[in-house]
Amino acid sequence: MEGSYLLTGVNRGFRALRWYAQGVLGADAYQKYLQHMARVHPDQVPMDERAFWRDLYAWQARNPQGRCC
């Protein structure tokens, strides 16, 4: 019984770490974009994921900001 509690805790910790890492690395940017579009612009068709990343990288190239790398 204690083993299952430990496994549940480890799983919960892993999910939290994964969520945090995706947020820090920006891997969840497309999901956030989709949520924003559904909430603020429900009448518009959102970009597909490939177009989203292409647009984001182009915007970053046009608007350089301080980055670690």
C-alpha atoms as a PDB file:
ATOM      1  CA  MET A   1       0.000   0.000   0.000  1.00  0.00           C
ATOM      2  CA  GLU A   2       2.809   2.431   0.848  1.00  0.00           C
ATOM      3  CA  GLY A   3       4.441   1.689  -2.497  1.00  0.00           C
ATOM      4  CA  SER A   4       1.406   2.941  -4.375  1.00  0.00           C
ATOM      5  CA  TYR A   5       1.461   6.212  -2.394  1.00  0.00           C
ATOM      6  CA  LEU A   6       5.122   6.619  -3.222  1.00  0.00           C
ATOM      7  CA  LEU A   7       4.498   5.917  -6.900  1.00  0.00           C
ATOM      8  CA  THR A   8       1.620   8.409  -6.938  1.00  0.00           C
ATOM      9  CA  GLY A   9       3.866  11.053  -5.383  1.00  0.00           C
ATOM     10  CA  VAL A  10       6.653  10.368  -7.869  1.00  0.00           C
ATOM     11  CA  ASN A  11       4.205  10.594 -10.777  1.00  0.00           C
ATOM     12  CA  ARG A  12       2.785  13.857  -9.466  1.00  0.00           C
ATOM     13  CA  GLY A  13       6.292  15.268  -9.043  1.00  0.00           C
ATOM     14  CA  PHE A  14       7.284  14.213 -12.546  1.00  0.00           C
ATOM     15  CA  ARG A  15       4.180  15.853 -14.060  1.00  0.00           C
ATOM     16  CA  ALA A  16       4.885  19.066 -12.146  1.00  0.00           C
ATOM     17  CA  LEU A  17       8.511  19.089 -13.301  1.00  0.00           C
ATOM     18  CA  ARG A  18       7.443  18.451 -16.903  1.00  0.00           C
ATOM     19  CA  TRP A  19       4.860  21.267 -16.735  1.00  0.00           C
ATOM     20  CA  TYR A  20       7.474  23.658 -15.321  1.00  0.00           C
ATOM     21  CA  ALA A  21      10.120  22.726 -17.899  1.00  0.00           C
ATOM     22  CA  GLN A  22       7.698  23.166 -20.792  1.00  0.00           C
ATOM     23  CA  GLY A  23       6.753  26.595 -19.484  1.00  0.00           C
ATOM     24  CA  VAL A  24      10.348  27.708 -19.062  1.00  0.00           C
ATOM     25  CA  LEU A  25      11.387  26.412 -22.475  1.00  0.00           C
ATOM     26  CA  GLY A  26       8.308  27.798 -24.215  1.00  0.00           C
ATOM     27  CA  ALA A  27       7.136  24.406 -25.464  1.00  0.00           C
ATOM     28  CA  ASP A  28       3.607  25.244 -24.355  1.00  0.00           C
ATOM     29  CA  ALA A  29       3.457  28.465 -26.406  1.00  0.00           C
ATOM     30  CA  TYR A  30       1.264  26.963 -29.131  1.00  0.00           C
ATOM     31  CA  GLN A  31      -1.239  25.628 -26.588  1.00  0.00           C
ATOM     32  CA  LYS A  32      -1.372  29.048 -24.934  1.00  0.00           C
ATOM     33  CA  TYR A  33      -1.905  30.620 -28.358  1.00  0.00           C
ATOM     34  CA  LEU A  34      -4.814  28.261 -29.081  1.00  0.00           C
ATOM     35  CA  GLN A  35      -6.383  29.053 -25.713  1.00  0.00           C
ATOM     36  CA  HIS A  36      -5.973  32.778 -26.368  1.00  0.00           C
ATOM     37  CA  MET A  37      -7.527  32.503 -29.827  1.00  0.00           C
ATOM     38  CA  ALA A  38     -10.499  30.522 -28.510  1.00  0.00           C
ATOM     39  CA  ARG A  39     -11.070  33.009 -25.692  1.00  0.00           C
ATOM     40  CA  VAL A  40     -10.384  36.350 -27.403  1.00  0.00           C
ATOM     41  CA  HIS A  41     -10.888  35.678 -31.130  1.00  0.00           C
ATOM     42  CA  PRO A  42     -13.394  32.798 -31.375  1.00  0.00           C
ATOM     43  CA  ASP A  43     -14.482  33.950 -34.848  1.00  0.00           C
ATOM     44  CA  GLN A  44     -10.972  33.572 -36.341  1.00  0.00           C
ATOM     45  CA  VAL A  45      -9.281  30.374 -37.459  1.00  0.00           C
ATOM     46  CA  PRO A  46      -5.986  29.935 -35.573  1.00  0.00           C
ATOM     47  CA  MET A  47      -2.733  29.223 -37.388  1.00  0.00           C
ATOM     48  CA  ASP A  48      -1.636  25.629 -37.587  1.00  0.00           C
ATOM     49  CA  GLU A  49       1.299  24.707 -35.364  1.00  0.00           C
ATOM     50  CA  ARG A  50       3.927  24.927 -38.080  1.00  0.00           C
ATOM     51  CA  ALA A  51       2.791  28.401 -39.141  1.00  0.00           C
ATOM     52  CA  PHE A  52       2.659  29.495 -35.499  1.00  0.00           C
ATOM     53  CA  TRP A  53       6.296  28.558 -34.829  1.00  0.00           C
ATOM     54  CA  ARG A  54       7.440  30.107 -38.115  1.00  0.00           C
ATOM     55  CA  ASP A  55       5.638  33.354 -37.232  1.00  0.00           C
ATOM     56  CA  LEU A  56       6.992  33.351 -33.674  1.00  0.00           C
ATOM     57  CA  TYR A  57      10.594  32.854 -34.806  1.00  0.00           C
ATOM     58  CA  ALA A  58      10.218  35.561 -37.458  1.00  0.00           C
ATOM     59  CA  TRP A  59       8.849  37.952 -34.811  1.00  0.00           C
ATOM     60  CA  GLN A  60      11.786  37.136 -32.520  1.00  0.00           C
ATOM     61  CA  ALA A  61      14.244  37.815 -35.345  1.00  0.00           C
ATOM     62  CA  ARG A  62      12.617  41.208 -36.008  1.00  0.00           C
ATOM     63  CA  ASN A  63      12.451  42.088 -32.300  1.00  0.00           C
ATOM     64  CA  PRO A  64      15.652  40.882 -30.620  1.00  0.00           C
ATOM     65  CA  GLN A  65      15.461  40.802 -26.848  1.00  0.00           C
ATOM     66  CA  GLY A  66      17.898  39.916 -24.145  1.00  0.00           C
ATOM     67  CA  ARG A  67      18.273  36.127 -24.020  1.00  0.00           C
ATOM     68  CA  CYS A  68      20.637  33.822 -22.260  1.00  0.00           C
ATOM     69  CA  CYS A  69      21.787  32.188 -25.512  1.00  0.00           C
END
